[in-house]
Amino acid sequence: SKSFEVNVGARLEYQTLRGDYQDRNLG
């Protein structure tokens, strides 16, 4: 109405990580 406003939103996200790292315990 002229006195009331609502903003709504939604996000659905699928996220992937693929890669490698080196274990620092190898020294």
PDB file of all heavy atoms in Angstrom:
ATOM      1  N   SER A   1       0.867  -1.183   0.000  1.00  0.00           N
ATOM      2  CA  SER A   1       0.000   0.000   0.000  1.00  0.00           C
ATOM      3  C   SER A   1       0.897   1.223   0.000  1.00  0.00           C
ATOM      4  O   SER A   1       2.124   1.108   0.016  1.00  0.00           O
ATOM      5  CB  SER A   1      -0.902   0.003   1.238  1.00  0.00           C
ATOM      6  OG  SER A   1      -0.143   0.218   2.415  1.00  0.00           O
ATOM      7  N   LYS A   2       0.283   2.378   0.054  1.00  0.00           N
ATOM      8  CA  LYS A   2       1.105   3.578   0.012  1.00  0.00           C
ATOM      9  C   LYS A   2       1.882   3.770   1.322  1.00  0.00           C
ATOM     10  O   LYS A   2       2.770   4.605   1.393  1.00  0.00           O
ATOM     11  CB  LYS A   2       0.265   4.808  -0.297  1.00  0.00           C
ATOM     12  CG  LYS A   2      -0.485   5.409   0.846  1.00  0.00           C
ATOM     13  CD  LYS A   2      -1.124   6.717   0.381  1.00  0.00           C
ATOM     14  CE  LYS A   2      -1.649   7.509   1.570  1.00  0.00           C
ATOM     15  NZ  LYS A   2      -2.177   8.816   1.135  1.00  0.00           N
ATOM     16  N   SER A   3       1.579   2.978   2.331  1.00  0.00           N
ATOM     17  CA  SER A   3       2.268   3.095   3.616  1.00  0.00           C
ATOM     18  C   SER A   3       3.184   1.915   3.927  1.00  0.00           C
ATOM     19  O   SER A   3       3.943   1.977   4.890  1.00  0.00           O
ATOM     20  CB  SER A   3       1.247   3.226   4.753  1.00  0.00           C
ATOM     21  OG  SER A   3       0.451   4.372   4.595  1.00  0.00           O
ATOM     22  N   PHE A   4       3.123   0.851   3.142  1.00  0.00           N
ATOM     23  CA  PHE A   4       3.831  -0.371   3.538  1.00  0.00           C
ATOM     24  C   PHE A   4       4.516  -1.003   2.335  1.00  0.00           C
ATOM     25  O   PHE A   4       3.891  -1.191   1.285  1.00  0.00           O
ATOM     26  CB  PHE A   4       2.845  -1.353   4.158  1.00  0.00           C
ATOM     27  CG  PHE A   4       3.474  -2.599   4.706  1.00  0.00           C
ATOM     28  CD1 PHE A   4       4.605  -2.540   5.505  1.00  0.00           C
ATOM     29  CD2 PHE A   4       2.937  -3.855   4.426  1.00  0.00           C
ATOM     30  CE1 PHE A   4       5.179  -3.689   6.019  1.00  0.00           C
ATOM     31  CE2 PHE A   4       3.500  -5.020   4.935  1.00  0.00           C
ATOM     32  CZ  PHE A   4       4.627  -4.930   5.735  1.00  0.00           C
ATOM     33  N   GLU A   5       5.803  -1.308   2.510  1.00  0.00           N
ATOM     34  CA  GLU A   5       6.568  -1.964   1.450  1.00  0.00           C
ATOM     35  C   GLU A   5       7.445  -3.051   2.053  1.00  0.00           C
ATOM     36  O   GLU A   5       8.006  -2.888   3.139  1.00  0.00           O
ATOM     37  CB  GLU A   5       7.446  -0.964   0.703  1.00  0.00           C
ATOM     38  CG  GLU A   5       8.266  -1.602  -0.420  1.00  0.00           C
ATOM     39  CD  GLU A   5       9.183  -0.610  -1.098  1.00  0.00           C
ATOM     40  OE1 GLU A   5       8.678   0.219  -1.873  1.00  0.00           O
ATOM     41  OE2 GLU A   5      10.386  -0.652  -0.834  1.00  0.00           O
ATOM     42  N   VAL A   6       7.568  -4.162   1.320  1.00  0.00           N
ATOM     43  CA  VAL A   6       8.379  -5.291   1.755  1.00  0.00           C
ATOM     44  C   VAL A   6       9.323  -5.684   0.622  1.00  0.00           C
ATOM     45  O   VAL A   6       8.908  -5.775  -0.535  1.00  0.00           O
ATOM     46  CB  VAL A   6       7.503  -6.505   2.139  1.00  0.00           C
ATOM     47  CG1 VAL A   6       8.387  -7.670   2.583  1.00  0.00           C
ATOM     48  CG2 VAL A   6       6.526  -6.137   3.243  1.00  0.00           C
ATOM     49  N   ASN A   7      10.574  -5.901   0.964  1.00  0.00           N
ATOM     50  CA  ASN A   7      11.556  -6.431   0.022  1.00  0.00           C
ATOM     51  C   ASN A   7      11.952  -7.829   0.475  1.00  0.00           C
ATOM     52  O   ASN A   7      12.328  -8.028   1.643  1.00  0.00           O
ATOM     53  CB  ASN A   7      12.807  -5.554  -0.010  1.00  0.00           C
ATOM     54  CG  ASN A   7      12.588  -4.259  -0.765  1.00  0.00           C
ATOM     55  OD1 ASN A   7      13.103  -4.073  -1.856  1.00  0.00           O
ATOM     56  ND2 ASN A   7      11.831  -3.335  -0.178  1.00  0.00           N
ATOM     57  N   VAL A   8      11.871  -8.786  -0.420  1.00  0.00           N
ATOM     58  CA  VAL A   8      12.234 -10.156  -0.083  1.00  0.00           C
ATOM     59  C   VAL A   8      13.193 -10.690  -1.145  1.00  0.00           C
ATOM     60  O   VAL A   8      13.184 -10.251  -2.296  1.00  0.00           O
ATOM     61  CB  VAL A   8      11.001 -11.078   0.015  1.00  0.00           C
ATOM     62  CG1 VAL A   8      10.106 -10.645   1.162  1.00  0.00           C
ATOM     63  CG2 VAL A   8      10.229 -11.107  -1.298  1.00  0.00           C
ATOM     64  N   GLY A   9      14.039 -11.643  -0.734  1.00  0.00           N
ATOM     65  CA  GLY A   9      14.976 -12.230  -1.677  1.00  0.00           C
ATOM     66  C   GLY A   9      15.476 -13.576  -1.193  1.00  0.00           C
ATOM     67  O   GLY A   9      15.463 -13.876   0.006  1.00  0.00           O
ATOM     68  N   ALA A  10      15.909 -14.397  -2.132  1.00  0.00           N
ATOM     69  CA  ALA A  10      16.456 -15.713  -1.795  1.00  0.00           C
ATOM     70  C   ALA A  10      17.534 -16.074  -2.809  1.00  0.00           C
ATOM     71  O   ALA A  10      17.465 -15.687  -3.983  1.00  0.00           O
ATOM     72  CB  ALA A  10      15.356 -16.774  -1.800  1.00  0.00           C
ATOM     73  N   ARG A  11      18.538 -16.809  -2.338  1.00  0.00           N
ATOM     74  CA  ARG A  11      19.618 -17.282  -3.200  1.00  0.00           C
ATOM     75  C   ARG A  11      19.941 -18.718  -2.823  1.00  0.00           C
ATOM     76  O   ARG A  11      20.150 -19.038  -1.639  1.00  0.00           O
ATOM     77  CB  ARG A  11      20.868 -16.414  -3.031  1.00  0.00           C
ATOM     78  CG  ARG A  11      22.052 -16.860  -3.903  1.00  0.00           C
ATOM     79  CD  ARG A  11      23.282 -16.012  -3.605  1.00  0.00           C
ATOM     80  NE  ARG A  11      24.415 -16.390  -4.433  1.00  0.00           N
ATOM     81  CZ  ARG A  11      24.685 -15.899  -5.645  1.00  0.00           C
ATOM     82  NH1 ARG A  11      23.876 -14.988  -6.170  1.00  0.00           N
ATOM     83  NH2 ARG A  11      25.734 -16.294  -6.333  1.00  0.00           N
ATOM     84  N   LEU A  12      19.980 -19.590  -3.819  1.00  0.00           N
ATOM     85  CA  LEU A  12      20.355 -20.985  -3.643  1.00  0.00           C
ATOM     86  C   LEU A  12      21.591 -21.230  -4.498  1.00  0.00           C
ATOM     87  O   LEU A  12      21.549 -21.061  -5.719  1.00  0.00           O
ATOM     88  CB  LEU A  12      19.213 -21.918  -4.059  1.00  0.00           C
ATOM     89  CG  LEU A  12      17.872 -21.685  -3.346  1.00  0.00           C
ATOM     90  CD1 LEU A  12      16.812 -22.619  -3.914  1.00  0.00           C
ATOM     91  CD2 LEU A  12      18.007 -21.869  -1.840  1.00  0.00           C
ATOM     92  N   GLU A  13      22.684 -21.619  -3.864  1.00  0.00           N
ATOM     93  CA  GLU A  13      23.986 -21.659  -4.534  1.00  0.00           C
ATOM     94  C   GLU A  13      24.676 -23.004  -4.313  1.00  0.00           C
ATOM     95  O   GLU A  13      24.783 -23.473  -3.179  1.00  0.00           O
ATOM     96  CB  GLU A  13      24.856 -20.529  -3.992  1.00  0.00           C
ATOM     97  CG  GLU A  13      26.270 -20.473  -4.543  1.00  0.00           C
ATOM     98  CD  GLU A  13      27.081 -19.369  -3.889  1.00  0.00           C
ATOM     99  OE1 GLU A  13      27.055 -18.236  -4.403  1.00  0.00           O
ATOM    100  OE2 GLU A  13      27.717 -19.641  -2.843  1.00  0.00           O
ATOM    101  N   TYR A  14      25.151 -23.585  -5.401  1.00  0.00           N
ATOM    102  CA  TYR A  14      25.950 -24.806  -5.336  1.00  0.00           C
ATOM    103  C   TYR A  14      27.393 -24.432  -5.634  1.00  0.00           C
ATOM    104  O   TYR A  14      27.707 -23.879  -6.689  1.00  0.00           O
ATOM    105  CB  TYR A  14      25.446 -25.841  -6.331  1.00  0.00           C
ATOM    106  CG  TYR A  14      26.260 -27.113  -6.369  1.00  0.00           C
ATOM    107  CD1 TYR A  14      26.406 -27.911  -5.235  1.00  0.00           C
ATOM    108  CD2 TYR A  14      26.903 -27.515  -7.539  1.00  0.00           C
ATOM    109  CE1 TYR A  14      27.153 -29.076  -5.265  1.00  0.00           C
ATOM    110  CE2 TYR A  14      27.648 -28.684  -7.585  1.00  0.00           C
ATOM    111  CZ  TYR A  14      27.775 -29.459  -6.435  1.00  0.00           C
ATOM    112  OH  TYR A  14      28.518 -30.611  -6.460  1.00  0.00           O
ATOM    113  N   GLN A  15      28.290 -24.728  -4.693  1.00  0.00           N
ATOM    114  CA  GLN A  15      29.687 -24.315  -4.796  1.00  0.00           C
ATOM    115  C   GLN A  15      30.601 -25.531  -4.735  1.00  0.00           C
ATOM    116  O   GLN A  15      30.397 -26.441  -3.925  1.00  0.00           O
ATOM    117  CB  GLN A  15      30.035 -23.352  -3.656  1.00  0.00           C
ATOM    118  CG  GLN A  15      31.485 -22.884  -3.657  1.00  0.00           C
ATOM    119  CD  GLN A  15      31.817 -22.015  -2.458  1.00  0.00           C
ATOM    120  OE1 GLN A  15      30.960 -21.714  -1.641  1.00  0.00           O
ATOM    121  NE2 GLN A  15      33.070 -21.617  -2.341  1.00  0.00           N
ATOM    122  N   THR A  16      31.626 -25.536  -5.586  1.00  0.00           N
ATOM    123  CA  THR A  16      32.594 -26.641  -5.597  1.00  0.00           C
ATOM    124  C   THR A  16      34.017 -26.099  -5.564  1.00  0.00           C
ATOM    125  O   THR A  16      34.308 -25.031  -6.132  1.00  0.00           O
ATOM    126  CB  THR A  16      32.436 -27.524  -6.842  1.00  0.00           C
ATOM    127  OG1 THR A  16      32.733 -26.752  -8.014  1.00  0.00           O
ATOM    128  CG2 THR A  16      31.021 -28.068  -6.957  1.00  0.00           C
ATOM    129  N   LEU A  17      34.899 -26.857  -4.893  1.00  0.00           N
ATOM    130  CA  LEU A  17      36.340 -26.619  -4.931  1.00  0.00           C
ATOM    131  C   LEU A  17      37.007 -27.898  -5.412  1.00  0.00           C
ATOM    132  O   LEU A  17      36.730 -28.981  -4.889  1.00  0.00           O
ATOM    133  CB  LEU A  17      36.895 -26.271  -3.547  1.00  0.00           C
ATOM    134  CG  LEU A  17      36.361 -25.066  -2.785  1.00  0.00           C
ATOM    135  CD1 LEU A  17      37.187 -24.853  -1.515  1.00  0.00           C
ATOM    136  CD2 LEU A  17      36.372 -23.813  -3.622  1.00  0.00           C
ATOM    137  N   ARG A  18      37.896 -27.774  -6.389  1.00  0.00           N
ATOM    138  CA  ARG A  18      38.669 -28.897  -6.889  1.00  0.00           C
ATOM    139  C   ARG A  18      40.113 -28.429  -7.059  1.00  0.00           C
ATOM    140  O   ARG A  18      40.374 -27.443  -7.749  1.00  0.00           O
ATOM    141  CB  ARG A  18      38.135 -29.392  -8.247  1.00  0.00           C
ATOM    142  CG  ARG A  18      36.696 -29.857  -8.226  1.00  0.00           C
ATOM    143  CD  ARG A  18      36.538 -31.169  -7.475  1.00  0.00           C
ATOM    144  NE  ARG A  18      35.175 -31.680  -7.575  1.00  0.00           N
ATOM    145  CZ  ARG A  18      34.195 -31.411  -6.716  1.00  0.00           C
ATOM    146  NH1 ARG A  18      34.449 -30.619  -5.675  1.00  0.00           N
ATOM    147  NH2 ARG A  18      32.990 -31.907  -6.876  1.00  0.00           N
ATOM    148  N   GLY A  19      41.039 -29.112  -6.413  1.00  0.00           N
ATOM    149  CA  GLY A  19      42.427 -28.706  -6.540  1.00  0.00           C
ATOM    150  C   GLY A  19      43.328 -29.502  -5.636  1.00  0.00           C
ATOM    151  O   GLY A  19      43.035 -30.653  -5.282  1.00  0.00           O
ATOM    152  N   ASP A  20      44.448 -28.886  -5.243  1.00  0.00           N
ATOM    153  CA  ASP A  20      45.392 -29.577  -4.368  1.00  0.00           C
ATOM    154  C   ASP A  20      46.216 -28.571  -3.577  1.00  0.00           C
ATOM    155  O   ASP A  20      46.289 -27.388  -3.923  1.00  0.00           O
ATOM    156  CB  ASP A  20      46.306 -30.501  -5.177  1.00  0.00           C
ATOM    157  CG  ASP A  20      47.076 -29.784  -6.266  1.00  0.00           C
ATOM    158  OD1 ASP A  20      48.024 -29.047  -5.927  1.00  0.00           O
ATOM    159  OD2 ASP A  20      46.735 -29.959  -7.461  1.00  0.00           O
ATOM    160  N   TYR A  21      46.825 -29.064  -2.499  1.00  0.00           N
ATOM    161  CA  TYR A  21      47.748 -28.276  -1.684  1.00  0.00           C
ATOM    162  C   TYR A  21      48.848 -29.201  -1.189  1.00  0.00           C
ATOM    163  O   TYR A  21      48.750 -30.426  -1.320  1.00  0.00           O
ATOM    164  CB  TYR A  21      47.021 -27.612  -0.508  1.00  0.00           C
ATOM    165  CG  TYR A  21      46.535 -28.566   0.566  1.00  0.00           C
ATOM    166  CD1 TYR A  21      47.280 -28.775   1.723  1.00  0.00           C
ATOM    167  CD2 TYR A  21      45.318 -29.244   0.430  1.00  0.00           C
ATOM    168  CE1 TYR A  21      46.836 -29.648   2.714  1.00  0.00           C
ATOM    169  CE2 TYR A  21      44.867 -30.111   1.413  1.00  0.00           C
ATOM    170  CZ  TYR A  21      45.632 -30.308   2.554  1.00  0.00           C
ATOM    171  OH  TYR A  21      45.197 -31.177   3.529  1.00  0.00           O
ATOM    172  N   GLN A  22      49.898 -28.626  -0.627  1.00  0.00           N
ATOM    173  CA  GLN A  22      51.009 -29.437  -0.114  1.00  0.00           C
ATOM    174  C   GLN A  22      51.016 -29.380   1.409  1.00  0.00           C
ATOM    175  O   GLN A  22      51.036 -28.299   1.998  1.00  0.00           O
ATOM    176  CB  GLN A  22      52.346 -28.942  -0.669  1.00  0.00           C
ATOM    177  CG  GLN A  22      53.540 -29.756  -0.163  1.00  0.00           C
ATOM    178  CD  GLN A  22      54.822 -29.427  -0.901  1.00  0.00           C
ATOM    179  OE1 GLN A  22      55.009 -29.807  -2.053  1.00  0.00           O
ATOM    180  NE2 GLN A  22      55.721 -28.709  -0.242  1.00  0.00           N
ATOM    181  N   ASP A  23      51.010 -30.531   2.025  1.00  0.00           N
ATOM    182  CA  ASP A  23      50.985 -30.635   3.485  1.00  0.00           C
ATOM    183  C   ASP A  23      52.281 -30.072   4.067  1.00  0.00           C
ATOM    184  O   ASP A  23      53.376 -30.519   3.737  1.00  0.00           O
ATOM    185  CB  ASP A  23      50.830 -32.107   3.880  1.00  0.00           C
ATOM    186  CG  ASP A  23      50.531 -32.289   5.357  1.00  0.00           C
ATOM    187  OD1 ASP A  23      50.894 -31.391   6.155  1.00  0.00           O
ATOM    188  OD2 ASP A  23      49.949 -33.325   5.718  1.00  0.00           O
ATOM    189  N   ARG A  24      52.143 -29.063   4.943  1.00  0.00           N
ATOM    190  CA  ARG A  24      53.345 -28.455   5.503  1.00  0.00           C
ATOM    191  C   ARG A  24      54.066 -29.384   6.473  1.00  0.00           C
ATOM    192  O   ARG A  24      55.239 -29.161   6.798  1.00  0.00           O
ATOM    193  CB  ARG A  24      53.002 -27.132   6.188  1.00  0.00           C
ATOM    194  CG  ARG A  24      52.327 -27.245   7.536  1.00  0.00           C
ATOM    195  CD  ARG A  24      52.169 -25.876   8.149  1.00  0.00           C
ATOM    196  NE  ARG A  24      51.572 -25.941   9.482  1.00  0.00           N
ATOM    197  CZ  ARG A  24      51.276 -24.872  10.202  1.00  0.00           C
ATOM    198  NH1 ARG A  24      51.482 -23.664   9.711  1.00  0.00           N
ATOM    199  NH2 ARG A  24      50.744 -25.002  11.407  1.00  0.00           N
ATOM    200  N   ASN A  25      53.394 -30.424   6.947  1.00  0.00           N
ATOM    201  CA  ASN A  25      54.045 -31.377   7.848  1.00  0.00           C
ATOM    202  C   ASN A  25      55.139 -32.183   7.156  1.00  0.00           C
ATOM    203  O   ASN A  25      55.934 -32.856   7.814  1.00  0.00           O
ATOM    204  CB  ASN A  25      53.007 -32.322   8.460  1.00  0.00           C
ATOM    205  CG  ASN A  25      52.079 -31.607   9.425  1.00  0.00           C
ATOM    206  OD1 ASN A  25      52.513 -30.722  10.164  1.00  0.00           O
ATOM    207  ND2 ASN A  25      50.807 -31.957   9.412  1.00  0.00           N
ATOM    208  N   LEU A  26      55.189 -32.100   5.819  1.00  0.00           N
ATOM    209  CA  LEU A  26      56.286 -32.735   5.091  1.00  0.00           C
ATOM    210  C   LEU A  26      57.606 -32.018   5.361  1.00  0.00           C
ATOM    211  O   LEU A  26      58.675 -32.576   5.114  1.00  0.00           O
ATOM    212  CB  LEU A  26      55.984 -32.733   3.586  1.00  0.00           C
ATOM    213  CG  LEU A  26      54.762 -33.543   3.121  1.00  0.00           C
ATOM    214  CD1 LEU A  26      54.492 -33.290   1.641  1.00  0.00           C
ATOM    215  CD2 LEU A  26      54.976 -35.030   3.378  1.00  0.00           C
ATOM    216  N   GLY A  27      57.516 -30.768   5.825  1.00  0.00           N
ATOM    217  CA  GLY A  27      58.723 -30.018   6.174  1.00  0.00           C
ATOM    218  C   GLY A  27      59.555 -29.600   4.988  1.00  0.00           C
ATOM    219  O   GLY A  27      60.770 -29.402   5.126  1.00  0.00           O
TER     220      GLY A  27
END
